N, C-alpha and C. Protein backbone atom coordinates (compact mmCIF):
# COMPACT_ATOMS: atom_id res chain seq x y z
N MET A 1 12.56 -86.33 -111.47
CA MET A 1 13.30 -85.51 -112.66
C MET A 1 13.25 -84.03 -111.34
N THR A 2 12.31 -83.40 -111.76
CA THR A 2 11.97 -82.40 -111.29
C THR A 2 11.62 -82.20 -109.74
N MET A 3 11.80 -83.52 -109.19
CA MET A 3 11.93 -82.97 -107.22
C MET A 3 13.52 -83.58 -107.40
N LEU A 4 14.10 -83.67 -108.07
CA LEU A 4 15.52 -84.26 -108.23
C LEU A 4 16.50 -82.84 -108.30
N ILE A 5 15.33 -81.71 -109.51
CA ILE A 5 16.42 -80.80 -109.70
C ILE A 5 15.97 -79.24 -108.53
N LEU A 6 14.93 -79.58 -107.42
CA LEU A 6 14.25 -78.81 -106.96
C LEU A 6 15.51 -79.42 -105.71
N VAL A 7 15.82 -80.52 -105.62
CA VAL A 7 16.44 -81.45 -103.97
C VAL A 7 17.73 -80.10 -104.30
N LEU A 8 17.94 -80.39 -105.79
CA LEU A 8 19.44 -79.35 -106.40
C LEU A 8 19.89 -77.87 -106.31
N VAL A 9 18.96 -77.32 -106.35
CA VAL A 9 18.31 -76.39 -106.31
C VAL A 9 18.48 -75.32 -104.92
N LEU A 10 18.01 -76.28 -103.59
CA LEU A 10 17.47 -75.27 -102.90
C LEU A 10 18.70 -76.35 -102.03
N LEU A 11 19.38 -77.36 -101.92
CA LEU A 11 20.65 -77.71 -101.63
C LEU A 11 21.61 -76.29 -101.86
N LEU A 12 22.12 -76.55 -103.17
CA LEU A 12 22.69 -75.23 -103.65
C LEU A 12 22.48 -73.67 -103.04
N ALA A 13 21.22 -73.61 -102.80
CA ALA A 13 20.85 -72.11 -102.09
C ALA A 13 21.30 -72.14 -100.71
N LEU A 14 21.35 -73.63 -100.16
CA LEU A 14 21.36 -73.20 -99.32
C LEU A 14 23.30 -73.75 -98.33
N ILE A 15 23.95 -74.01 -99.49
CA ILE A 15 25.96 -74.06 -99.67
C ILE A 15 25.73 -72.17 -99.66
N LEU A 16 24.91 -71.46 -100.58
CA LEU A 16 25.98 -70.40 -100.63
C LEU A 16 24.74 -69.70 -99.86
N GLY A 17 23.91 -69.59 -99.39
CA GLY A 17 23.58 -68.74 -97.88
C GLY A 17 24.25 -69.20 -97.05
N GLY A 18 24.81 -70.67 -96.68
CA GLY A 18 26.47 -71.24 -95.33
C GLY A 18 26.99 -69.96 -96.07
N ALA A 19 27.94 -70.39 -97.14
CA ALA A 19 29.07 -69.34 -97.43
C ALA A 19 28.82 -67.96 -97.50
N GLY A 20 27.69 -66.73 -97.21
CA GLY A 20 27.22 -65.87 -97.05
C GLY A 20 27.31 -65.64 -95.74
N PHE A 21 27.15 -66.14 -95.12
CA PHE A 21 26.69 -66.04 -93.49
C PHE A 21 28.48 -66.54 -93.07
N ALA A 22 28.90 -67.09 -93.40
CA ALA A 22 30.45 -67.18 -92.75
C ALA A 22 30.60 -65.82 -93.00
N MET A 23 30.93 -66.03 -94.86
CA MET A 23 31.58 -64.32 -94.72
C MET A 23 31.56 -63.34 -94.70
N HIS A 24 30.15 -63.04 -94.00
CA HIS A 24 29.75 -61.47 -93.16
C HIS A 24 30.45 -61.43 -91.56
N VAL A 25 29.99 -63.06 -92.03
CA VAL A 25 31.24 -63.01 -90.15
C VAL A 25 32.72 -63.24 -89.48
N LEU A 26 33.03 -63.47 -91.09
CA LEU A 26 34.80 -63.19 -91.00
C LEU A 26 35.25 -61.80 -91.50
N TRP A 27 33.83 -61.35 -91.61
CA TRP A 27 34.19 -60.15 -91.65
C TRP A 27 33.86 -58.89 -90.72
N TRP A 28 33.15 -59.27 -90.20
CA TRP A 28 33.00 -59.05 -88.63
C TRP A 28 34.57 -59.02 -88.10
N VAL A 29 34.95 -60.37 -87.26
CA VAL A 29 35.93 -60.96 -86.97
C VAL A 29 37.52 -60.53 -87.46
N ALA A 30 37.22 -59.85 -89.10
CA ALA A 30 39.00 -59.19 -88.89
C ALA A 30 38.82 -57.56 -88.67
N LEU A 31 37.37 -56.54 -88.34
CA LEU A 31 36.83 -55.99 -88.45
C LEU A 31 37.69 -55.72 -86.70
N ALA A 32 36.93 -56.90 -86.24
CA ALA A 32 37.66 -56.69 -84.84
C ALA A 32 38.59 -57.14 -84.59
N VAL A 33 39.77 -57.58 -85.11
CA VAL A 33 40.96 -57.99 -85.37
C VAL A 33 41.73 -56.56 -85.12
N LEU A 34 41.59 -56.07 -86.75
CA LEU A 34 41.81 -54.90 -86.99
C LEU A 34 41.79 -53.59 -85.90
N VAL A 35 40.85 -53.32 -85.00
CA VAL A 35 40.28 -52.99 -83.86
C VAL A 35 41.49 -52.91 -82.83
N VAL A 36 41.33 -53.42 -82.73
CA VAL A 36 42.75 -54.71 -81.37
C VAL A 36 43.76 -53.77 -81.71
N TRP A 37 44.16 -54.34 -82.52
CA TRP A 37 46.21 -54.56 -83.36
C TRP A 37 46.02 -53.19 -83.34
N ILE A 38 44.94 -51.28 -83.78
CA ILE A 38 45.56 -50.09 -83.88
C ILE A 38 44.95 -50.31 -82.67
N LEU A 39 43.98 -50.65 -81.26
CA LEU A 39 44.26 -51.08 -80.11
C LEU A 39 45.80 -50.98 -79.49
N GLY A 40 46.45 -51.63 -80.05
CA GLY A 40 47.74 -51.73 -79.25
C GLY A 40 48.43 -51.12 -79.07
N PHE A 41 48.51 -50.76 -80.52
CA PHE A 41 49.81 -49.49 -80.38
C PHE A 41 49.19 -48.49 -79.65
N PHE A 42 48.26 -48.00 -79.12
CA PHE A 42 47.62 -46.77 -78.47
C PHE A 42 47.77 -47.36 -76.83
N PHE A 43 48.35 -48.80 -76.65
CA PHE A 43 47.69 -48.70 -74.90
C PHE A 43 50.07 -50.04 -75.11
N ALA A 44 50.55 -49.69 -76.21
CA ALA A 44 52.00 -49.96 -75.98
C ALA A 44 52.86 -49.65 -75.21
N SER A 45 53.51 -50.74 -75.21
CA SER A 45 54.23 -50.63 -73.36
C SER A 45 55.87 -50.56 -74.02
N GLY A 46 56.92 -49.38 -73.52
CA GLY A 46 58.02 -49.73 -73.63
C GLY A 46 58.96 -49.59 -73.15
N GLY A 47 58.93 -50.46 -71.68
CA GLY A 47 60.22 -50.45 -71.47
C GLY A 47 60.41 -52.08 -71.27
N SER A 48 59.94 -52.62 -72.58
CA SER A 48 60.51 -53.84 -72.73
C SER A 48 62.02 -53.38 -73.18
N GLY A 49 62.53 -51.84 -74.24
CA GLY A 49 63.37 -52.07 -75.09
C GLY A 49 64.05 -52.42 -76.62
N HIS A 50 62.59 -53.32 -76.77
CA HIS A 50 61.90 -53.54 -78.13
C HIS A 50 61.71 -52.18 -78.67
N GLY A 51 61.20 -51.31 -78.44
CA GLY A 51 60.15 -50.23 -79.94
C GLY A 51 58.68 -50.21 -78.74
N ARG A 52 57.75 -50.23 -80.17
CA ARG A 52 57.30 -50.22 -80.10
C ARG A 52 55.98 -51.62 -79.92
N ARG A 53 57.24 -52.54 -79.70
CA ARG A 53 56.19 -53.60 -79.81
C ARG A 53 55.21 -54.14 -78.89
N TRP A 54 54.09 -54.62 -78.51
CA TRP A 54 53.14 -54.89 -77.18
C TRP A 54 52.63 -56.00 -77.14
N TYR A 55 53.44 -56.89 -78.73
CA TYR A 55 53.05 -58.35 -79.26
C TYR A 55 54.28 -59.14 -77.98
N ARG A 56 54.17 -60.41 -77.74
CA ARG A 56 55.45 -61.22 -76.65
C ARG A 56 56.73 -62.12 -78.68
N TRP A 57 56.09 -62.54 -78.95
CA TRP A 57 56.88 -63.64 -79.44
C TRP A 57 57.30 -62.38 -81.11
């Protein structure tokens, strides 16, 4: 019985640790996307006649 509890606790720690790592990685991805988005406003080409839109869609 104690072995089952130990395995469940270790499994829970592994799941929560993995979720924490995934959230940490997602914060870095969100930061990179934000930087690219802001840089897009600085390097926007206004020659297409659609204003300051830097994306194609």
